Amino acid sequence: MVDENDFFRQVTTRVCGSLDIKTALSSAFQYLREFIPLDAMGLHLYEPELGGMRTIARVSPSGSYVMD
């Protein structure tokens, strides 16, 4: 059983642990895969003027990609 506070602290540390978005997402993705079955993970930004989402970065087992 995982301590909920430690789990969220670990994820936050990985996401905020690098200014390089590929490194941060990859680190969080690898950690989360220990607990959740993940195929991919992305960072998206809602743009109200466009009325939609913009994908900033994506990570999967085959690698990480910055889209913008």
Protein backbone atom coordinates (compact mmCIF):
# COMPACT_ATOMS: atom_id res chain seq x y z
CA MET A 1 0.00 0.00 0.00
CA VAL A 2 1.33 3.40 -0.99
CA ASP A 3 1.03 6.41 1.27
CA GLU A 4 -1.16 8.92 -0.59
CA ASN A 5 0.85 11.95 0.53
CA ASP A 6 4.14 10.34 -0.47
CA PHE A 7 2.70 9.31 -3.85
CA PHE A 8 1.63 12.87 -4.72
CA ARG A 9 4.88 14.30 -3.36
CA GLN A 10 6.88 11.92 -5.56
CA VAL A 11 4.88 12.80 -8.68
CA THR A 12 5.14 16.54 -7.96
CA THR A 13 8.89 16.26 -7.39
CA ARG A 14 9.32 14.53 -10.74
CA VAL A 15 7.13 16.97 -12.67
CA CYS A 16 8.76 20.03 -11.09
CA GLY A 17 12.24 18.53 -10.86
CA SER A 18 13.43 19.67 -14.26
CA LEU A 19 12.96 22.71 -16.44
CA ASP A 20 13.24 20.42 -19.47
CA ILE A 21 9.66 19.29 -20.14
CA LYS A 22 10.76 16.02 -21.79
CA THR A 23 12.82 15.09 -18.73
CA ALA A 24 10.07 16.07 -16.29
CA LEU A 25 7.31 14.18 -18.12
CA SER A 26 9.50 11.11 -18.65
CA SER A 27 10.39 10.96 -14.98
CA ALA A 28 6.76 11.32 -13.87
CA PHE A 29 5.62 8.80 -16.50
CA GLN A 30 8.11 6.16 -15.34
CA TYR A 31 7.08 6.63 -11.70
CA LEU A 32 3.34 6.55 -12.44
CA ARG A 33 3.70 3.37 -14.49
CA GLU A 34 4.72 1.58 -11.30
CA PHE A 35 1.18 2.17 -9.98
CA ILE A 36 -1.09 2.85 -12.97
CA PRO A 37 -1.18 1.06 -16.34
CA LEU A 38 -0.19 3.88 -18.72
CA ASP A 39 0.41 3.79 -22.46
CA ALA A 40 1.15 7.50 -22.81
CA MET A 41 0.91 10.80 -21.00
CA GLY A 42 0.63 14.34 -22.31
CA LEU A 43 0.73 17.95 -21.27
CA HIS A 44 -2.05 20.00 -22.85
CA LEU A 45 -2.98 23.67 -22.71
CA TYR A 46 -6.52 24.95 -23.20
CA GLU A 47 -6.59 27.94 -25.53
CA PRO A 48 -9.95 29.72 -25.17
CA GLU A 49 -9.39 31.87 -28.27
CA LEU A 50 -9.00 28.70 -30.33
CA GLY A 51 -11.77 26.88 -28.49
CA GLY A 52 -9.60 23.83 -28.03
CA MET A 53 -6.57 22.14 -26.55
CA ARG A 54 -2.98 22.41 -27.72
CA THR A 55 -0.63 19.52 -27.01
CA ILE A 56 2.62 20.81 -25.54
CA ALA A 57 4.43 17.51 -24.97
CA ARG A 58 3.83 13.78 -24.99
CA VAL A 59 5.64 10.81 -23.50
CA SER A 60 5.27 7.07 -24.13
CA PRO A 61 7.48 4.02 -23.76
CA SER A 62 8.96 4.78 -27.19
CA GLY A 63 10.13 8.26 -26.16
CA SER A 64 9.15 11.80 -25.29
CA TYR A 65 8.26 14.54 -27.71
CA VAL A 66 7.86 18.30 -27.40
CA MET A 67 5.20 19.36 -29.87
CA ASP A 68 5.50 23.11 -29.64
